């Protein structure tokens, strides 16, 4: 199974969101990015407890996210189609 590397954003001990996800770069490359991102944080952000953390993801997690986006796009397309059908024609 292919490894997926992620960068997570935390505020204190609370997970906020996945910043990045890749299977195209090495673990060392992603860890170096995490270090750079943490070094770029402003003093105010650090005071709030914001930090970036390296994490291992799964292929299932990556597919799930893609699936969620696909479903959202399909629903949006259906809504747009319904609006087009309801529009009066002249």
C-alpha atoms as a PDB file:
ATOM      1  CA  UNK A   1       0.000   0.000   0.000  1.00  0.00           C
ATOM      2  CA  UNK A   2       1.263   3.448  -0.893  1.00  0.00           C
ATOM      3  CA  UNK A   3       2.045   5.865   1.901  1.00  0.00           C
ATOM      4  CA  UNK A   4       0.327   9.220   2.039  1.00  0.00           C
ATOM      5  CA  UNK A   5       2.007  12.082   3.881  1.00  0.00           C
ATOM      6  CA  UNK A   6      -0.046  14.905   5.350  1.00  0.00           C
ATOM      7  CA  UNK A   7       0.479  18.246   7.022  1.00  0.00           C
ATOM      8  CA  UNK A   8      -2.064  18.994   9.749  1.00  0.00           C
ATOM      9  CA  UNK A   9      -2.777  22.341  11.370  1.00  0.00           C
ATOM     10  CA  UNK A  10      -3.369  22.449  15.109  1.00  0.00           C
ATOM     11  CA  UNK A  11      -4.404  25.193  17.507  1.00  0.00           C
ATOM     12  CA  UNK A  12      -3.089  24.031  20.850  1.00  0.00           C
ATOM     13  CA  UNK A  13      -4.031  20.359  21.100  1.00  0.00           C
ATOM     14  CA  UNK A  14      -7.062  20.784  18.821  1.00  0.00           C
ATOM     15  CA  UNK A  15      -6.813  19.492  15.246  1.00  0.00           C
ATOM     16  CA  UNK A  16      -8.147  22.050  12.760  1.00  0.00           C
ATOM     17  CA  UNK A  17      -7.677  20.675   9.239  1.00  0.00           C
ATOM     18  CA  UNK A  18      -5.425  18.931   6.719  1.00  0.00           C
ATOM     19  CA  UNK A  19      -3.269  21.552   5.012  1.00  0.00           C
ATOM     20  CA  UNK A  20      -1.664  19.262   2.446  1.00  0.00           C
ATOM     21  CA  UNK A  21      -1.694  15.625   1.379  1.00  0.00           C
ATOM     22  CA  UNK A  22       0.706  13.932  -1.038  1.00  0.00           C
ATOM     23  CA  UNK A  23       2.057  10.612  -2.174  1.00  0.00           C
ATOM     24  CA  UNK A  24       4.431  12.158  -4.709  1.00  0.00           C
ATOM     25  CA  UNK A  25       7.085  13.453  -2.311  1.00  0.00           C
ATOM     26  CA  UNK A  26       9.258  11.672   0.219  1.00  0.00           C
ATOM     27  CA  UNK A  27       8.673  11.692   3.961  1.00  0.00           C
ATOM     28  CA  UNK A  28      11.796  13.821   4.466  1.00  0.00           C
ATOM     29  CA  UNK A  29      10.579  16.362   1.901  1.00  0.00           C
ATOM     30  CA  UNK A  30       7.217  16.767   3.655  1.00  0.00           C
ATOM     31  CA  UNK A  31       8.844  16.953   7.096  1.00  0.00           C
ATOM     32  CA  UNK A  32      11.124  19.728   5.793  1.00  0.00           C
ATOM     33  CA  UNK A  33       8.013  21.588   4.568  1.00  0.00           C
ATOM     34  CA  UNK A  34       6.467  21.278   8.047  1.00  0.00           C
ATOM     35  CA  UNK A  35       9.603  22.776   9.596  1.00  0.00           C
ATOM     36  CA  UNK A  36       9.557  25.667   7.093  1.00  0.00           C
ATOM     37  CA  UNK A  37       5.872  26.349   7.713  1.00  0.00           C
ATOM     38  CA  UNK A  38       6.366  26.396  11.492  1.00  0.00           C
ATOM     39  CA  UNK A  39       9.352  28.740  11.073  1.00  0.00           C
ATOM     40  CA  UNK A  40       7.165  31.169   9.078  1.00  0.00           C
ATOM     41  CA  UNK A  41       4.499  31.497  11.774  1.00  0.00           C
ATOM     42  CA  UNK A  42       4.170  34.979  13.218  1.00  0.00           C
ATOM     43  CA  UNK A  43       4.677  35.503  16.964  1.00  0.00           C
ATOM     44  CA  UNK A  44       0.921  36.154  17.281  1.00  0.00           C
ATOM     45  CA  UNK A  45       0.088  32.810  15.659  1.00  0.00           C
ATOM     46  CA  UNK A  46       2.561  31.018  17.896  1.00  0.00           C
ATOM     47  CA  UNK A  47       0.992  32.704  20.928  1.00  0.00           C
ATOM     48  CA  UNK A  48      -2.375  31.261  19.826  1.00  0.00           C
ATOM     49  CA  UNK A  49      -0.765  27.810  19.789  1.00  0.00           C
ATOM     50  CA  UNK A  50      -0.937  27.363  16.029  1.00  0.00           C
ATOM     51  CA  UNK A  51       1.479  24.798  14.654  1.00  0.00           C
ATOM     52  CA  UNK A  52       1.857  22.398  11.745  1.00  0.00           C
ATOM     53  CA  UNK A  53       2.420  18.679  12.260  1.00  0.00           C
ATOM     54  CA  UNK A  54       3.587  15.893   9.955  1.00  0.00           C
ATOM     55  CA  UNK A  55       1.187  12.923   9.791  1.00  0.00           C
ATOM     56  CA  UNK A  56       0.788   9.669   7.913  1.00  0.00           C
ATOM     57  CA  UNK A  57      -2.430   9.343   5.960  1.00  0.00           C
ATOM     58  CA  UNK A  58      -4.036   6.419   4.183  1.00  0.00           C
ATOM     59  CA  UNK A  59      -5.043   5.784   0.615  1.00  0.00           C
ATOM     60  CA  UNK A  60      -8.591   5.217   1.891  1.00  0.00           C
ATOM     61  CA  UNK A  61      -8.573   8.675   3.480  1.00  0.00           C
ATOM     62  CA  UNK A  62      -7.342  10.217   0.253  1.00  0.00           C
ATOM     63  CA  UNK A  63     -10.040   8.447  -1.800  1.00  0.00           C
ATOM     64  CA  UNK A  64     -12.712   9.407   0.706  1.00  0.00           C
ATOM     65  CA  UNK A  65     -11.841  13.092   0.402  1.00  0.00           C
ATOM     66  CA  UNK A  66     -11.910  12.889  -3.392  1.00  0.00           C
ATOM     67  CA  UNK A  67     -15.248  11.095  -3.214  1.00  0.00           C
ATOM     68  CA  UNK A  68     -16.686  13.819  -1.004  1.00  0.00           C
ATOM     69  CA  UNK A  69     -15.630  16.464  -3.501  1.00  0.00           C
ATOM     70  CA  UNK A  70     -17.115  14.484  -6.386  1.00  0.00           C
ATOM     71  CA  UNK A  71     -20.449  14.102  -4.586  1.00  0.00           C
ATOM     72  CA  UNK A  72     -20.513  17.816  -3.790  1.00  0.00           C
ATOM     73  CA  UNK A  73     -19.835  18.707  -7.447  1.00  0.00           C
ATOM     74  CA  UNK A  74     -22.545  16.312  -8.636  1.00  0.00           C
ATOM     75  CA  UNK A  75     -25.069  17.845  -6.236  1.00  0.00           C
ATOM     76  CA  UNK A  76     -24.091  21.359  -7.307  1.00  0.00           C
ATOM     77  CA  UNK A  77     -24.453  20.361 -10.976  1.00  0.00           C
ATOM     78  CA  UNK A  78     -27.910  18.911 -10.296  1.00  0.00           C
ATOM     79  CA  UNK A  79     -28.966  22.156  -8.598  1.00  0.00           C
ATOM     80  CA  UNK A  80     -27.673  24.209 -11.526  1.00  0.00           C
ATOM     81  CA  UNK A  81     -29.488  21.936 -13.989  1.00  0.00           C
ATOM     82  CA  UNK A  82     -32.714  22.371 -12.020  1.00  0.00           C
ATOM     83  CA  UNK A  83     -32.318  26.153 -12.108  1.00  0.00           C
ATOM     84  CA  UNK A  84     -31.758  26.101 -15.859  1.00  0.00           C
ATOM     85  CA  UNK A  85     -34.917  24.028 -16.357  1.00  0.00           C
ATOM     86  CA  UNK A  86     -36.963  26.461 -14.252  1.00  0.00           C
ATOM     87  CA  UNK A  87     -35.758  29.548 -16.107  1.00  0.00           C
ATOM     88  CA  UNK A  88     -38.412  31.094 -18.353  1.00  0.00           C
ATOM     89  CA  UNK A  89     -37.709  31.006 -22.059  1.00  0.00           C
ATOM     90  CA  UNK A  90     -38.503  33.847 -24.356  1.00  0.00           C
END
